[in-house]
Amino acid sequence: MSPLEIVAVIISALAVWTTTRRSLWCWPLGLASVALYGVVFLEAKLYSDMVLQAVFGAFLVYGWVCWRRGLRDEGQVVVRPLSARGAILALAAGAVASAAWGLAMARWTDASLPYLDATLAGFSLVAQYWTARKHIENWWLWIAVDVVYVALYLVKDLYLTAGLYAAFIVLAILGLRSWRAGTEVPAVQPL
């Protein structure tokens, strides 16, 4: 456990906690978190997770813009449900991206657990996109991904990070509950 990992854990936890609270502070904290974790994952040879941090950076900027545009008058972020069609398309895209990413990592790098790492990275991108778009379903996907991430980080001896992802599961449950209270339900949800 390095000092860098400790700082990354603290900032990451704050970023997710502020997301559960629907606070705009989640975005700059998230940017700091991904920068730190990019280095942590490089050192652990989890290259998909390292690349994921850079992509998350772009998604974080996108999410920040989306959330700024979607504020209620009192400053609260409006949460919207995801259509079944949108969910299917996003999950299919995550599966295709995961397979391609895993193949690339297995073929051209010395990545540790390239297919598992790529799959978690691919579906994390889907969850991050859903978060940026203010879809409450992001929390369900984060819970599933984070459960597997805990096991991965234990295998890689990143115990503090595994603990962080265990805490992310709890925060995702809290986020789900909090966001349910702020969901706008449309009259008809098209497929």
N, C-alpha and C. Protein backbone atom coordinates (compact mmCIF):
# COMPACT_ATOMS: atom_id res chain seq x y z
N MET A 1 0.86 -1.17 0.00
CA MET A 1 0.00 0.00 0.00
C MET A 1 0.90 1.23 0.00
N SER A 2 0.78 2.01 -1.03
CA SER A 2 1.63 3.19 -1.18
C SER A 2 0.89 4.45 -0.70
N PRO A 3 1.65 5.50 -0.40
CA PRO A 3 1.00 6.77 -0.04
C PRO A 3 0.10 7.28 -1.17
N LEU A 4 0.51 7.05 -2.41
CA LEU A 4 -0.31 7.47 -3.55
C LEU A 4 -1.65 6.75 -3.56
N GLU A 5 -1.64 5.44 -3.27
CA GLU A 5 -2.90 4.69 -3.22
C GLU A 5 -3.79 5.20 -2.09
N ILE A 6 -3.19 5.55 -0.96
CA ILE A 6 -3.97 6.07 0.17
C ILE A 6 -4.69 7.36 -0.22
N VAL A 7 -3.96 8.29 -0.85
CA VAL A 7 -4.57 9.56 -1.27
C VAL A 7 -5.64 9.30 -2.33
N ALA A 8 -5.36 8.39 -3.26
CA ALA A 8 -6.33 8.06 -4.31
C ALA A 8 -7.61 7.50 -3.70
N VAL A 9 -7.48 6.67 -2.69
CA VAL A 9 -8.65 6.08 -2.03
C VAL A 9 -9.49 7.18 -1.39
N ILE A 10 -8.86 8.08 -0.68
CA ILE A 10 -9.60 9.13 0.03
C ILE A 10 -10.35 10.02 -0.97
N ILE A 11 -9.66 10.45 -2.01
CA ILE A 11 -10.31 11.34 -2.98
C ILE A 11 -11.40 10.60 -3.75
N SER A 12 -11.17 9.33 -4.08
CA SER A 12 -12.19 8.54 -4.79
C SER A 12 -13.44 8.37 -3.94
N ALA A 13 -13.25 8.09 -2.67
CA ALA A 13 -14.40 7.92 -1.78
C ALA A 13 -15.20 9.22 -1.69
N LEU A 14 -14.50 10.35 -1.59
CA LEU A 14 -15.19 11.64 -1.56
C LEU A 14 -15.94 11.91 -2.86
N ALA A 15 -15.33 11.53 -3.98
CA ALA A 15 -15.98 11.75 -5.28
C ALA A 15 -17.28 10.95 -5.39
N VAL A 16 -17.24 9.68 -4.98
CA VAL A 16 -18.46 8.86 -5.07
C VAL A 16 -19.49 9.33 -4.05
N TRP A 17 -19.05 9.68 -2.86
CA TRP A 17 -20.00 10.16 -1.85
C TRP A 17 -20.71 11.42 -2.34
N THR A 18 -19.97 12.34 -2.96
CA THR A 18 -20.62 13.55 -3.46
C THR A 18 -21.53 13.25 -4.64
N THR A 19 -21.25 12.18 -5.38
CA THR A 19 -22.16 11.76 -6.46
C THR A 19 -23.47 11.27 -5.86
N THR A 20 -23.39 10.51 -4.78
CA THR A 20 -24.63 10.02 -4.14
C THR A 20 -25.49 11.19 -3.67
N ARG A 21 -24.85 12.29 -3.34
CA ARG A 21 -25.55 13.49 -2.85
C ARG A 21 -25.99 14.38 -4.01
N ARG A 22 -25.68 13.98 -5.24
CA ARG A 22 -25.99 14.75 -6.45
C ARG A 22 -25.35 16.14 -6.39
N SER A 23 -24.12 16.18 -5.93
CA SER A 23 -23.37 17.43 -5.82
C SER A 23 -22.43 17.58 -7.01
N LEU A 24 -22.35 18.79 -7.54
CA LEU A 24 -21.44 19.04 -8.65
C LEU A 24 -19.97 18.85 -8.27
N TRP A 25 -19.67 18.82 -6.99
CA TRP A 25 -18.29 18.60 -6.55
C TRP A 25 -17.79 17.20 -6.93
N CYS A 26 -18.71 16.29 -7.26
CA CYS A 26 -18.28 14.94 -7.63
C CYS A 26 -17.39 14.95 -8.86
N TRP A 27 -17.59 15.91 -9.76
CA TRP A 27 -16.84 15.91 -11.02
C TRP A 27 -15.39 16.34 -10.84
N PRO A 28 -15.06 17.47 -10.18
CA PRO A 28 -13.64 17.79 -10.01
C PRO A 28 -12.92 16.79 -9.09
N LEU A 29 -13.63 16.30 -8.08
CA LEU A 29 -13.02 15.27 -7.23
C LEU A 29 -12.75 14.00 -8.04
N GLY A 30 -13.67 13.66 -8.91
CA GLY A 30 -13.49 12.49 -9.77
C GLY A 30 -12.29 12.66 -10.69
N LEU A 31 -12.09 13.85 -11.22
CA LEU A 31 -10.93 14.10 -12.09
C LEU A 31 -9.61 13.91 -11.33
N ALA A 32 -9.56 14.39 -10.11
CA ALA A 32 -8.35 14.19 -9.29
C ALA A 32 -8.15 12.70 -9.01
N SER A 33 -9.24 12.01 -8.74
CA SER A 33 -9.17 10.58 -8.44
C SER A 33 -8.63 9.77 -9.62
N VAL A 34 -9.14 10.03 -10.81
CA VAL A 34 -8.69 9.22 -11.96
C VAL A 34 -7.24 9.50 -12.30
N ALA A 35 -6.77 10.72 -12.08
CA ALA A 35 -5.37 11.02 -12.32
C ALA A 35 -4.47 10.19 -11.39
N LEU A 36 -4.84 10.15 -10.12
CA LEU A 36 -4.05 9.39 -9.15
C LEU A 36 -4.12 7.88 -9.43
N TYR A 37 -5.32 7.39 -9.71
CA TYR A 37 -5.46 5.96 -9.95
C TYR A 37 -4.84 5.52 -11.27
N GLY A 38 -4.70 6.41 -12.23
CA GLY A 38 -3.97 6.06 -13.45
C GLY A 38 -2.57 5.59 -13.13
N VAL A 39 -1.91 6.28 -12.21
CA VAL A 39 -0.55 5.90 -11.80
C VAL A 39 -0.57 4.61 -10.97
N VAL A 40 -1.51 4.48 -10.05
CA VAL A 40 -1.61 3.28 -9.22
C VAL A 40 -1.77 2.04 -10.10
N PHE A 41 -2.64 2.11 -11.10
CA PHE A 41 -2.90 0.96 -11.96
C PHE A 41 -1.74 0.69 -12.92
N LEU A 42 -1.02 1.71 -13.33
CA LEU A 42 0.18 1.52 -14.15
C LEU A 42 1.19 0.69 -13.37
N GLU A 43 1.39 1.04 -12.12
CA GLU A 43 2.35 0.31 -11.28
C GLU A 43 1.92 -1.13 -11.03
N ALA A 44 0.60 -1.41 -11.01
CA ALA A 44 0.08 -2.76 -10.77
C ALA A 44 -0.08 -3.57 -12.07
N LYS A 45 0.28 -2.96 -13.21
CA LYS A 45 0.13 -3.59 -14.53
C LYS A 45 -1.32 -3.95 -14.83
N LEU A 46 -2.23 -3.15 -14.35
CA LEU A 46 -3.64 -3.28 -14.70
C LEU A 46 -3.91 -2.21 -15.76
N TYR A 47 -3.44 -2.49 -16.97
CA TYR A 47 -3.43 -1.50 -18.03
C TYR A 47 -4.84 -1.09 -18.47
N SER A 48 -5.76 -2.03 -18.47
CA SER A 48 -7.13 -1.64 -18.84
C SER A 48 -7.67 -0.64 -17.84
N ASP A 49 -7.41 -0.88 -16.57
CA ASP A 49 -7.86 0.07 -15.54
C ASP A 49 -7.14 1.40 -15.67
N MET A 50 -5.87 1.36 -16.07
CA MET A 50 -5.12 2.60 -16.27
C MET A 50 -5.72 3.40 -17.42
N VAL A 51 -5.96 2.74 -18.55
CA VAL A 51 -6.57 3.43 -19.69
C VAL A 51 -7.97 3.90 -19.32
N LEU A 52 -8.67 3.08 -18.56
CA LEU A 52 -10.02 3.43 -18.12
C LEU A 52 -10.01 4.77 -17.38
N GLN A 53 -9.00 5.03 -16.60
CA GLN A 53 -8.94 6.28 -15.85
C GLN A 53 -8.90 7.48 -16.79
N ALA A 54 -8.16 7.35 -17.89
CA ALA A 54 -8.10 8.44 -18.87
C ALA A 54 -9.45 8.64 -19.53
N VAL A 55 -10.12 7.54 -19.88
CA VAL A 55 -11.44 7.64 -20.50
C VAL A 55 -12.44 8.20 -19.50
N PHE A 56 -12.32 7.76 -18.25
CA PHE A 56 -13.18 8.33 -17.21
C PHE A 56 -13.00 9.84 -17.13
N GLY A 57 -11.77 10.31 -17.30
CA GLY A 57 -11.53 11.75 -17.28
C GLY A 57 -12.40 12.48 -18.29
N ALA A 58 -12.48 11.93 -19.50
CA ALA A 58 -13.33 12.53 -20.54
C ALA A 58 -14.80 12.45 -20.14
N PHE A 59 -15.22 11.30 -19.60
CA PHE A 59 -16.61 11.14 -19.16
C PHE A 59 -16.93 12.09 -18.01
N LEU A 60 -15.95 12.33 -17.15
CA LEU A 60 -16.18 13.23 -16.03
C LEU A 60 -16.42 14.66 -16.50
N VAL A 61 -15.66 15.10 -17.48
CA VAL A 61 -15.89 16.42 -18.05
C VAL A 61 -17.28 16.47 -18.70
N TYR A 62 -17.62 15.43 -19.45
CA TYR A 62 -18.95 15.34 -20.09
C TYR A 62 -20.06 15.37 -19.03
N GLY A 63 -19.90 14.58 -17.98
CA GLY A 63 -20.90 14.55 -16.92
C GLY A 63 -21.06 15.88 -16.22
N TRP A 64 -19.97 16.54 -15.99
CA TRP A 64 -19.99 17.86 -15.35
C TRP A 64 -20.83 18.83 -16.18
N VAL A 65 -20.61 18.81 -17.50
CA VAL A 65 -21.37 19.68 -18.40
C VAL A 65 -22.86 19.29 -18.37
N CYS A 66 -23.15 17.99 -18.47
CA CYS A 66 -24.55 17.53 -18.45
C CYS A 66 -25.25 17.94 -17.16
N TRP A 67 -24.59 17.76 -16.05
CA TRP A 67 -25.20 18.08 -14.76
C TRP A 67 -25.41 19.59 -14.62
N ARG A 68 -24.46 20.39 -15.09
CA ARG A 68 -24.61 21.85 -14.98
C ARG A 68 -25.82 22.31 -15.78
N ARG A 69 -26.08 21.67 -16.91
CA ARG A 69 -27.21 22.05 -17.76
C ARG A 69 -28.53 21.56 -17.19
N GLY A 70 -28.51 20.54 -16.35
CA GLY A 70 -29.75 19.92 -15.89
C GLY A 70 -30.11 20.22 -14.45
N LEU A 71 -29.67 21.35 -13.94
CA LEU A 71 -29.98 21.71 -12.55
C LEU A 71 -31.38 22.30 -12.44
N ARG A 72 -32.06 21.94 -11.37
CA ARG A 72 -33.32 22.60 -11.04
C ARG A 72 -32.99 23.99 -10.50
N ASP A 73 -34.01 24.79 -10.33
CA ASP A 73 -33.80 26.15 -9.82
C ASP A 73 -33.10 26.17 -8.47
N GLU A 74 -33.39 25.17 -7.64
CA GLU A 74 -32.77 25.14 -6.30
C GLU A 74 -31.39 24.48 -6.32
N GLY A 75 -30.88 24.14 -7.52
CA GLY A 75 -29.54 23.58 -7.63
C GLY A 75 -29.48 22.07 -7.58
N GLN A 76 -30.61 21.39 -7.51
CA GLN A 76 -30.65 19.93 -7.43
C GLN A 76 -30.58 19.33 -8.83
N VAL A 77 -29.78 18.28 -8.99
CA VAL A 77 -29.66 17.57 -10.26
C VAL A 77 -30.89 16.69 -10.45
N VAL A 78 -31.51 16.77 -11.62
CA VAL A 78 -32.69 15.98 -11.94
C VAL A 78 -32.26 14.59 -12.40
N VAL A 79 -32.85 13.56 -11.82
CA VAL A 79 -32.52 12.18 -12.15
C VAL A 79 -33.61 11.64 -13.06
N ARG A 80 -33.19 10.88 -14.09
CA ARG A 80 -34.15 10.32 -15.04
C ARG A 80 -33.94 8.83 -15.20
N PRO A 81 -35.03 8.06 -15.34
CA PRO A 81 -34.89 6.61 -15.58
C PRO A 81 -34.38 6.34 -16.99
N LEU A 82 -33.80 5.19 -17.17
CA LEU A 82 -33.25 4.74 -18.45
C LEU A 82 -34.27 3.87 -19.17
N SER A 83 -34.44 4.07 -20.46
CA SER A 83 -35.38 3.23 -21.22
C SER A 83 -34.79 1.83 -21.38
N ALA A 84 -35.64 0.84 -21.58
CA ALA A 84 -35.17 -0.53 -21.80
C ALA A 84 -34.28 -0.60 -23.03
N ARG A 85 -34.66 0.09 -24.08
CA ARG A 85 -33.86 0.10 -25.32
C ARG A 85 -32.48 0.69 -25.05
N GLY A 86 -32.44 1.81 -24.32
CA GLY A 86 -31.16 2.43 -23.98
C GLY A 86 -30.28 1.52 -23.16
N ALA A 87 -30.89 0.80 -22.23
CA ALA A 87 -30.12 -0.13 -21.39
C ALA A 87 -29.53 -1.26 -22.23
N ILE A 88 -30.35 -1.84 -23.10
CA ILE A 88 -29.89 -2.95 -23.94
C ILE A 88 -28.75 -2.51 -24.85
N LEU A 89 -28.93 -1.37 -25.50
CA LEU A 89 -27.89 -0.87 -26.39
C LEU A 89 -26.58 -0.58 -25.65
N ALA A 90 -26.69 0.04 -24.50
CA ALA A 90 -25.49 0.38 -23.73
C ALA A 90 -24.78 -0.88 -23.22
N LEU A 91 -25.54 -1.85 -22.74
CA LEU A 91 -24.93 -3.09 -22.25
C LEU A 91 -24.30 -3.88 -23.39
N ALA A 92 -24.93 -3.88 -24.55
CA ALA A 92 -24.35 -4.55 -25.72
C ALA A 92 -23.04 -3.87 -26.13
N ALA A 93 -23.04 -2.54 -26.13
CA ALA A 93 -21.82 -1.80 -26.45
C ALA A 93 -20.72 -2.11 -25.44
N GLY A 94 -21.10 -2.22 -24.16
CA GLY A 94 -20.12 -2.56 -23.13
C GLY A 94 -19.53 -3.95 -23.34
N ALA A 95 -20.36 -4.89 -23.76
CA ALA A 95 -19.88 -6.26 -24.01
C ALA A 95 -18.91 -6.31 -25.19
N VAL A 96 -19.27 -5.62 -26.27
CA VAL A 96 -18.41 -5.60 -27.46
C VAL A 96 -17.08 -4.91 -27.13
N ALA A 97 -17.15 -3.78 -26.47
CA ALA A 97 -15.94 -3.05 -26.10
C ALA A 97 -15.06 -3.90 -25.17
N SER A 98 -15.68 -4.62 -24.25
CA SER A 98 -14.93 -5.46 -23.31
C SER A 98 -14.18 -6.57 -24.04
N ALA A 99 -14.84 -7.22 -24.99
CA ALA A 99 -14.21 -8.31 -25.74
C ALA A 99 -13.03 -7.79 -26.56
N ALA A 100 -13.23 -6.68 -27.26
CA ALA A 100 -12.16 -6.12 -28.08
C ALA A 100 -11.00 -5.64 -27.22
N TRP A 101 -11.33 -4.98 -26.12
CA TRP A 101 -10.30 -4.45 -25.22
C TRP A 101 -9.51 -5.59 -24.60
N GLY A 102 -10.20 -6.62 -24.15
CA GLY A 102 -9.52 -7.77 -23.56
C GLY A 102 -8.59 -8.46 -24.54
N LEU A 103 -9.04 -8.64 -25.76
CA LEU A 103 -8.21 -9.25 -26.80
C LEU A 103 -6.96 -8.42 -27.05
N ALA A 104 -7.12 -7.11 -27.15
CA ALA A 104 -5.97 -6.22 -27.37
C ALA A 104 -4.99 -6.30 -26.21
N MET A 105 -5.50 -6.29 -25.00
CA MET A 105 -4.62 -6.33 -23.82
C MET A 105 -3.90 -7.68 -23.73
N ALA A 106 -4.60 -8.76 -24.04
CA ALA A 106 -3.98 -10.09 -23.98
C ALA A 106 -2.92 -10.26 -25.07
N ARG A 107 -3.17 -9.67 -26.20
CA ARG A 107 -2.27 -9.87 -27.35
C ARG A 107 -1.05 -8.95 -27.31
N TRP A 108 -1.22 -7.70 -26.93
CA TRP A 108 -0.15 -6.73 -27.09
C TRP A 108 0.47 -6.21 -25.80
N THR A 109 0.04 -6.72 -24.65
CA THR A 109 0.64 -6.25 -23.39
C THR A 109 0.91 -7.44 -22.47
N ASP A 110 1.56 -7.16 -21.38
CA ASP A 110 1.76 -8.17 -20.33
C ASP A 110 0.74 -7.96 -19.21
N ALA A 111 -0.45 -7.50 -19.58
CA ALA A 111 -1.49 -7.19 -18.60
C ALA A 111 -1.82 -8.40 -17.74
N SER A 112 -2.09 -8.13 -16.50
CA SER A 112 -2.55 -9.14 -15.57
C SER A 112 -4.06 -9.27 -15.71
N LEU A 113 -4.56 -10.49 -15.90
CA LEU A 113 -6.00 -10.76 -16.03
C LEU A 113 -6.64 -9.85 -17.09
N PRO A 114 -6.14 -9.89 -18.32
CA PRO A 114 -6.58 -8.91 -19.33
C PRO A 114 -8.07 -8.95 -19.64
N TYR A 115 -8.68 -10.13 -19.71
CA TYR A 115 -10.10 -10.19 -20.08
C TYR A 115 -11.01 -9.71 -18.94
N LEU A 116 -10.70 -10.12 -17.74
CA LEU A 116 -11.50 -9.66 -16.60
C LEU A 116 -11.34 -8.16 -16.41
N ASP A 117 -10.11 -7.69 -16.48
CA ASP A 117 -9.83 -6.27 -16.32
C ASP A 117 -10.55 -5.46 -17.39
N ALA A 118 -10.51 -5.94 -18.64
CA ALA A 118 -11.16 -5.23 -19.73
C ALA A 118 -12.68 -5.25 -19.59
N THR A 119 -13.23 -6.37 -19.14
CA THR A 119 -14.68 -6.46 -18.96
C THR A 119 -15.15 -5.48 -17.90
N LEU A 120 -14.44 -5.43 -16.80
CA LEU A 120 -14.81 -4.48 -15.75
C LEU A 120 -14.66 -3.04 -16.24
N ALA A 121 -13.61 -2.80 -17.02
CA ALA A 121 -13.41 -1.46 -17.57
C ALA A 121 -14.55 -1.08 -18.53
N GLY A 122 -14.91 -2.01 -19.41
CA GLY A 122 -15.96 -1.74 -20.38
C GLY A 122 -17.29 -1.43 -19.73
N PHE A 123 -17.66 -2.23 -18.74
CA PHE A 123 -18.95 -1.98 -18.09
C PHE A 123 -18.89 -0.81 -17.11
N SER A 124 -17.70 -0.48 -16.62
CA SER A 124 -17.56 0.74 -15.83
C SER A 124 -17.82 1.98 -16.69
N LEU A 125 -17.41 1.92 -17.95
CA LEU A 125 -17.69 3.03 -18.85
C LEU A 125 -19.18 3.20 -19.08
N VAL A 126 -19.88 2.08 -19.22
CA VAL A 126 -21.34 2.15 -19.37
C VAL A 126 -21.95 2.80 -18.12
N ALA A 127 -21.52 2.34 -16.95
CA ALA A 127 -22.05 2.90 -15.70
C ALA A 127 -21.72 4.38 -15.58
N GLN A 128 -20.51 4.77 -15.98
CA GLN A 128 -20.14 6.19 -15.90
C GLN A 128 -20.96 7.03 -16.88
N TYR A 129 -21.21 6.49 -18.06
CA TYR A 129 -22.07 7.20 -19.02
C TYR A 129 -23.47 7.39 -18.44
N TRP A 130 -24.01 6.33 -17.85
CA TRP A 130 -25.33 6.43 -17.23
C TRP A 130 -25.34 7.45 -16.09
N THR A 131 -24.24 7.51 -15.34
CA THR A 131 -24.14 8.51 -14.27
C THR A 131 -24.17 9.91 -14.86
N ALA A 132 -23.37 10.12 -15.91
CA ALA A 132 -23.34 11.44 -16.56
C ALA A 132 -24.70 11.84 -17.10
N ARG A 133 -25.46 10.87 -17.60
CA ARG A 133 -26.78 11.13 -18.16
C ARG A 133 -27.87 11.16 -17.09
N LYS A 134 -27.46 11.00 -15.83
CA LYS A 134 -28.36 11.08 -14.68
C LYS A 134 -29.39 9.95 -14.64
N HIS A 135 -28.99 8.77 -15.10
CA HIS A 135 -29.88 7.60 -15.05
C HIS A 135 -29.66 6.86 -13.74
N ILE A 136 -30.71 6.67 -13.01
CA ILE A 136 -30.63 6.01 -11.70
C ILE A 136 -30.07 4.59 -11.80
N GLU A 137 -30.25 3.95 -12.95
CA GLU A 137 -29.79 2.57 -13.13
C GLU A 137 -28.28 2.44 -13.06
N ASN A 138 -27.57 3.55 -13.13
CA ASN A 138 -26.11 3.49 -13.01
C ASN A 138 -25.70 2.79 -11.72
N TRP A 139 -26.48 3.01 -10.66
CA TRP A 139 -26.10 2.45 -9.36
C TRP A 139 -26.16 0.93 -9.36
N TRP A 140 -27.13 0.34 -10.05
CA TRP A 140 -27.21 -1.12 -10.12
C TRP A 140 -25.98 -1.69 -10.83
N LEU A 141 -25.58 -1.05 -11.91
CA LEU A 141 -24.40 -1.53 -12.64
C LEU A 141 -23.14 -1.33 -11.82
N TRP A 142 -23.04 -0.19 -11.13
CA TRP A 142 -21.87 0.03 -10.28
C TRP A 142 -21.78 -1.04 -9.19
N ILE A 143 -22.90 -1.41 -8.62
CA ILE A 143 -22.87 -2.44 -7.58
C ILE A 143 -22.31 -3.74 -8.14
N ALA A 144 -22.80 -4.18 -9.29
CA ALA A 144 -22.33 -5.43 -9.90
C ALA A 144 -20.84 -5.36 -10.24
N VAL A 145 -20.42 -4.26 -10.86
CA VAL A 145 -19.02 -4.12 -11.25
C VAL A 145 -18.13 -4.06 -10.01
N ASP A 146 -18.54 -3.31 -9.02
CA ASP A 146 -17.70 -3.14 -7.83
C ASP A 146 -17.52 -4.43 -7.04
N VAL A 147 -18.52 -5.29 -7.03
CA VAL A 147 -18.37 -6.59 -6.36
C VAL A 147 -17.22 -7.38 -6.98
N VAL A 148 -17.17 -7.39 -8.31
CA VAL A 148 -16.10 -8.13 -8.99
C VAL A 148 -14.77 -7.41 -8.83
N TYR A 149 -14.79 -6.08 -8.85
CA TYR A 149 -13.55 -5.33 -8.64
C TYR A 149 -12.93 -5.64 -7.28
N VAL A 150 -13.73 -5.80 -6.26
CA VAL A 150 -13.19 -6.13 -4.94
C VAL A 150 -12.35 -7.41 -5.02
N ALA A 151 -12.90 -8.42 -5.67
CA ALA A 151 -12.17 -9.69 -5.82
C ALA A 151 -10.88 -9.49 -6.63
N LEU A 152 -10.96 -8.74 -7.72
CA LEU A 152 -9.78 -8.49 -8.56
C LEU A 152 -8.68 -7.81 -7.76
N TYR A 153 -9.02 -6.79 -7.02
CA TYR A 153 -8.00 -6.04 -6.28
C TYR A 153 -7.43 -6.85 -5.12
N LEU A 154 -8.21 -7.75 -4.54
CA LEU A 154 -7.66 -8.65 -3.52
C LEU A 154 -6.64 -9.58 -4.15
N VAL A 155 -6.95 -10.11 -5.32
CA VAL A 155 -6.01 -10.99 -6.03
C VAL A 155 -4.72 -10.25 -6.36
N LYS A 156 -4.81 -8.97 -6.69
CA LYS A 156 -3.65 -8.16 -7.05
C LYS A 156 -2.96 -7.53 -5.84
N ASP A 157 -3.37 -7.89 -4.63
CA ASP A 157 -2.78 -7.36 -3.40
C ASP A 157 -2.94 -5.85 -3.25
N LEU A 158 -3.98 -5.31 -3.85
CA LEU A 158 -4.32 -3.89 -3.67
C LEU A 158 -5.42 -3.82 -2.62
N TYR A 159 -5.03 -4.13 -1.38
CA TYR A 159 -6.01 -4.30 -0.32
C TYR A 159 -6.78 -3.02 0.01
N LEU A 160 -6.08 -1.92 0.02
CA LEU A 160 -6.75 -0.66 0.32
C LEU A 160 -7.76 -0.32 -0.78
N THR A 161 -7.37 -0.56 -2.02
CA THR A 161 -8.28 -0.31 -3.14
C THR A 161 -9.45 -1.28 -3.10
N ALA A 162 -9.20 -2.53 -2.72
CA ALA A 162 -10.31 -3.49 -2.56
C ALA A 162 -11.27 -2.99 -1.48
N GLY A 163 -10.74 -2.46 -0.40
CA GLY A 163 -11.59 -1.89 0.65
C GLY A 163 -12.38 -0.70 0.14
N LEU A 164 -11.74 0.13 -0.69
CA LEU A 164 -12.43 1.27 -1.28
C LEU A 164 -13.61 0.79 -2.13
N TYR A 165 -13.39 -0.25 -2.94
CA TYR A 165 -14.47 -0.73 -3.80
C TYR A 165 -15.57 -1.42 -2.99
N ALA A 166 -15.22 -1.99 -1.87
CA ALA A 166 -16.25 -2.51 -0.96
C ALA A 166 -17.08 -1.34 -0.43
N ALA A 167 -16.41 -0.24 -0.10
CA ALA A 167 -17.12 0.96 0.35
C ALA A 167 -17.95 1.54 -0.80
N PHE A 168 -17.44 1.44 -2.03
CA PHE A 168 -18.22 1.90 -3.19
C PHE A 168 -19.54 1.15 -3.31
N ILE A 169 -19.54 -0.12 -2.95
CA ILE A 169 -20.79 -0.90 -3.00
C ILE A 169 -21.81 -0.28 -2.04
N VAL A 170 -21.35 0.01 -0.84
CA VAL A 170 -22.24 0.65 0.16
C VAL A 170 -22.68 2.01 -0.34
N LEU A 171 -21.75 2.79 -0.89
CA LEU A 171 -22.11 4.12 -1.40
C LEU A 171 -23.08 4.02 -2.58
N ALA A 172 -22.91 2.99 -3.42
CA ALA A 172 -23.84 2.81 -4.55
C ALA A 172 -25.25 2.50 -4.05
N ILE A 173 -25.34 1.71 -3.00
CA ILE A 173 -26.66 1.42 -2.41
C ILE A 173 -27.27 2.71 -1.86
N LEU A 174 -26.46 3.51 -1.19
CA LEU A 174 -26.94 4.80 -0.67
C LEU A 174 -27.32 5.74 -1.82
N GLY A 175 -26.52 5.73 -2.87
CA GLY A 175 -26.82 6.56 -4.04
C GLY A 175 -28.13 6.15 -4.69
N LEU A 176 -28.35 4.86 -4.80
CA LEU A 176 -29.60 4.36 -5.37
C LEU A 176 -30.79 4.86 -4.56
N ARG A 177 -30.69 4.75 -3.26
CA ARG A 177 -31.78 5.21 -2.39
C ARG A 177 -31.98 6.72 -2.51
N SER A 178 -30.89 7.47 -2.50
CA SER A 178 -30.97 8.92 -2.59
C SER A 178 -31.53 9.36 -3.94
N TRP A 179 -31.06 8.75 -5.01
CA TRP A 179 -31.50 9.15 -6.34
C TRP A 179 -32.95 8.75 -6.59
N ARG A 180 -33.40 7.66 -5.99
CA ARG A 180 -34.82 7.28 -6.15
C ARG A 180 -35.74 8.41 -5.69
N ALA A 181 -35.33 9.09 -4.65
CA ALA A 181 -36.15 10.18 -4.13
C ALA A 181 -36.21 11.36 -5.10
N GLY A 182 -35.24 11.45 -6.03
CA GLY A 182 -35.20 12.57 -6.96
C GLY A 182 -35.48 12.20 -8.39
N THR A 183 -36.09 11.04 -8.63
CA THR A 183 -36.34 10.58 -9.99
C THR A 183 -37.61 11.18 -10.57
N GLU A 184 -37.50 11.68 -11.79
CA GLU A 184 -38.67 12.10 -12.55
C GLU A 184 -39.12 10.91 -13.38
N VAL A 185 -40.33 10.49 -13.25
CA VAL A 185 -40.83 9.34 -14.00
C VAL A 185 -41.66 9.85 -15.16
N PRO A 186 -41.25 9.54 -16.42
CA PRO A 186 -42.03 10.00 -17.56
C PRO A 186 -43.35 9.24 -17.66
N ALA A 187 -44.32 9.82 -18.36
CA ALA A 187 -45.62 9.16 -18.53
C ALA A 187 -45.49 7.83 -19.24
N VAL A 188 -44.65 7.76 -20.26
CA VAL A 188 -44.46 6.53 -21.03
C VAL A 188 -42.95 6.35 -21.22
N GLN A 189 -42.46 5.14 -20.97
CA GLN A 189 -41.06 4.85 -21.22
C GLN A 189 -40.96 4.05 -22.50
N PRO A 190 -40.52 4.65 -23.62
CA PRO A 190 -40.44 3.92 -24.87
C PRO A 190 -39.32 2.89 -24.84
N LEU A 191 -39.51 1.85 -25.63
CA LEU A 191 -38.49 0.81 -25.72
C LEU A 191 -37.41 1.19 -26.67
